[in-house]
């Protein structure tokens, strides 16, 4: 899915995934989130942090509510929902 959608979510964990690509090793920094909208998604989802978001927020978002401007939704390697976009607000 491409487009913009605002989502409010509770960050329940921060994880990193490292894998090999044709250009070498790559690490993704993911926030594991629980949807706070009504009705909420039934399962948690992963939000892929941008490098500038990682340097600004680091691991400080766990147990906080974030507002995400989601621009892309896809399926990750493990079949989990993966979203990317921009962190608009963290509280």
C-alpha atoms as a PDB file:
ATOM      1  CA  UNK A   1       0.000   0.000   0.000  1.00  0.00           C
ATOM      2  CA  UNK A   2       1.250   3.467  -0.833  1.00  0.00           C
ATOM      3  CA  UNK A   3      -0.321   6.658   0.456  1.00  0.00           C
ATOM      4  CA  UNK A   4      -0.491   8.547   3.749  1.00  0.00           C
ATOM      5  CA  UNK A   5      -2.279   7.439   6.891  1.00  0.00           C
ATOM      6  CA  UNK A   6      -1.942   8.769  10.455  1.00  0.00           C
ATOM      7  CA  UNK A   7      -1.710   6.092  13.150  1.00  0.00           C
ATOM      8  CA  UNK A   8      -1.394   6.427  16.915  1.00  0.00           C
ATOM      9  CA  UNK A   9       0.538   3.498  18.397  1.00  0.00           C
ATOM     10  CA  UNK A  10       2.128   2.340  21.635  1.00  0.00           C
ATOM     11  CA  UNK A  11       5.777   1.299  21.208  1.00  0.00           C
ATOM     12  CA  UNK A  12       6.225  -2.021  23.020  1.00  0.00           C
ATOM     13  CA  UNK A  13       9.798  -2.858  21.940  1.00  0.00           C
ATOM     14  CA  UNK A  14      12.714  -1.815  19.727  1.00  0.00           C
ATOM     15  CA  UNK A  15      14.557  -4.495  17.756  1.00  0.00           C
ATOM     16  CA  UNK A  16      17.233  -4.634  15.071  1.00  0.00           C
ATOM     17  CA  UNK A  17      17.358  -7.019  12.123  1.00  0.00           C
ATOM     18  CA  UNK A  18      20.621  -7.592  10.277  1.00  0.00           C
ATOM     19  CA  UNK A  19      20.814  -9.427   6.976  1.00  0.00           C
ATOM     20  CA  UNK A  20      23.143  -9.769   4.015  1.00  0.00           C
ATOM     21  CA  UNK A  21      22.458  -8.075   0.694  1.00  0.00           C
ATOM     22  CA  UNK A  22      24.363  -7.951  -2.588  1.00  0.00           C
ATOM     23  CA  UNK A  23      25.960  -4.726  -1.316  1.00  0.00           C
ATOM     24  CA  UNK A  24      26.919  -6.163   2.088  1.00  0.00           C
ATOM     25  CA  UNK A  25      25.320  -6.361   5.499  1.00  0.00           C
ATOM     26  CA  UNK A  26      22.287  -4.165   6.269  1.00  0.00           C
ATOM     27  CA  UNK A  27      20.655  -3.442   9.628  1.00  0.00           C
ATOM     28  CA  UNK A  28      17.060  -2.270  10.053  1.00  0.00           C
ATOM     29  CA  UNK A  29      15.934  -0.649  13.299  1.00  0.00           C
ATOM     30  CA  UNK A  30      12.311  -1.491  14.040  1.00  0.00           C
ATOM     31  CA  UNK A  31       9.789  -0.318  16.577  1.00  0.00           C
ATOM     32  CA  UNK A  32       7.326  -3.027  17.593  1.00  0.00           C
ATOM     33  CA  UNK A  33       4.018  -1.183  17.937  1.00  0.00           C
ATOM     34  CA  UNK A  34       0.483  -1.848  19.143  1.00  0.00           C
ATOM     35  CA  UNK A  35      -2.198   0.129  17.305  1.00  0.00           C
ATOM     36  CA  UNK A  36      -4.139   2.539  19.548  1.00  0.00           C
ATOM     37  CA  UNK A  37      -6.850   3.533  17.054  1.00  0.00           C
ATOM     38  CA  UNK A  38     -10.443   2.321  17.246  1.00  0.00           C
ATOM     39  CA  UNK A  39     -10.958  -0.373  16.170  1.00  0.00           C
ATOM     40  CA  UNK A  40      -7.274  -1.340  16.550  1.00  0.00           C
ATOM     41  CA  UNK A  41      -5.329  -3.775  14.414  1.00  0.00           C
ATOM     42  CA  UNK A  42      -5.527  -7.221  16.026  1.00  0.00           C
ATOM     43  CA  UNK A  43      -1.773  -7.836  15.888  1.00  0.00           C
ATOM     44  CA  UNK A  44       1.255  -5.713  16.644  1.00  0.00           C
ATOM     45  CA  UNK A  45       3.233  -4.340  13.698  1.00  0.00           C
ATOM     46  CA  UNK A  46       6.799  -3.243  12.971  1.00  0.00           C
ATOM     47  CA  UNK A  47       7.679   0.350  12.083  1.00  0.00           C
ATOM     48  CA  UNK A  48      10.964   0.792  10.191  1.00  0.00           C
ATOM     49  CA  UNK A  49      12.840   3.775  11.613  1.00  0.00           C
ATOM     50  CA  UNK A  50      14.687   6.168   9.318  1.00  0.00           C
ATOM     51  CA  UNK A  51      18.366   6.803  10.239  1.00  0.00           C
ATOM     52  CA  UNK A  52      17.554  10.364  11.389  1.00  0.00           C
ATOM     53  CA  UNK A  53      14.686   9.042  13.555  1.00  0.00           C
ATOM     54  CA  UNK A  54      17.063   6.523  15.138  1.00  0.00           C
ATOM     55  CA  UNK A  55      19.610   9.227  15.980  1.00  0.00           C
ATOM     56  CA  UNK A  56      16.879  11.545  17.350  1.00  0.00           C
ATOM     57  CA  UNK A  57      14.864   9.009  19.380  1.00  0.00           C
ATOM     58  CA  UNK A  58      17.106   5.945  19.806  1.00  0.00           C
ATOM     59  CA  UNK A  59      15.555   3.435  22.194  1.00  0.00           C
ATOM     60  CA  UNK A  60      13.758   6.171  24.134  1.00  0.00           C
ATOM     61  CA  UNK A  61      10.395   5.438  22.510  1.00  0.00           C
ATOM     62  CA  UNK A  62       9.680   2.133  24.273  1.00  0.00           C
ATOM     63  CA  UNK A  63       6.505   2.424  26.426  1.00  0.00           C
ATOM     64  CA  UNK A  64       5.609   5.740  24.747  1.00  0.00           C
ATOM     65  CA  UNK A  65       2.836   6.655  22.334  1.00  0.00           C
ATOM     66  CA  UNK A  66       3.854   7.820  18.874  1.00  0.00           C
ATOM     67  CA  UNK A  67       1.938   9.349  16.003  1.00  0.00           C
ATOM     68  CA  UNK A  68       3.092   7.884  12.702  1.00  0.00           C
ATOM     69  CA  UNK A  69       2.537   9.283   9.233  1.00  0.00           C
ATOM     70  CA  UNK A  70       2.560   5.917   7.450  1.00  0.00           C
ATOM     71  CA  UNK A  71       3.489   6.094   3.774  1.00  0.00           C
ATOM     72  CA  UNK A  72       4.092   2.427   3.037  1.00  0.00           C
ATOM     73  CA  UNK A  73       2.703  -0.865   4.378  1.00  0.00           C
ATOM     74  CA  UNK A  74       4.262  -4.173   3.386  1.00  0.00           C
ATOM     75  CA  UNK A  75       4.848  -7.675   4.651  1.00  0.00           C
ATOM     76  CA  UNK A  76       8.185  -8.339   6.367  1.00  0.00           C
ATOM     77  CA  UNK A  77      10.340 -11.444   6.023  1.00  0.00           C
ATOM     78  CA  UNK A  78       8.477 -13.216   8.825  1.00  0.00           C
ATOM     79  CA  UNK A  79       5.023 -12.309   7.484  1.00  0.00           C
ATOM     80  CA  UNK A  80       4.567  -9.462   9.970  1.00  0.00           C
ATOM     81  CA  UNK A  81       3.072  -6.149   8.910  1.00  0.00           C
ATOM     82  CA  UNK A  82       5.843  -3.608   8.348  1.00  0.00           C
ATOM     83  CA  UNK A  83       5.169   0.109   8.042  1.00  0.00           C
ATOM     84  CA  UNK A  84       7.417   3.008   7.123  1.00  0.00           C
ATOM     85  CA  UNK A  85       6.964   6.751   6.976  1.00  0.00           C
ATOM     86  CA  UNK A  86       7.660   9.492   9.510  1.00  0.00           C
ATOM     87  CA  UNK A  87       7.361   9.797  13.275  1.00  0.00           C
ATOM     88  CA  UNK A  88       5.258  12.939  13.654  1.00  0.00           C
ATOM     89  CA  UNK A  89       5.009  13.084  17.449  1.00  0.00           C
ATOM     90  CA  UNK A  90       6.275  11.113  20.442  1.00  0.00           C
ATOM     91  CA  UNK A  91       4.768  11.454  23.918  1.00  0.00           C
END
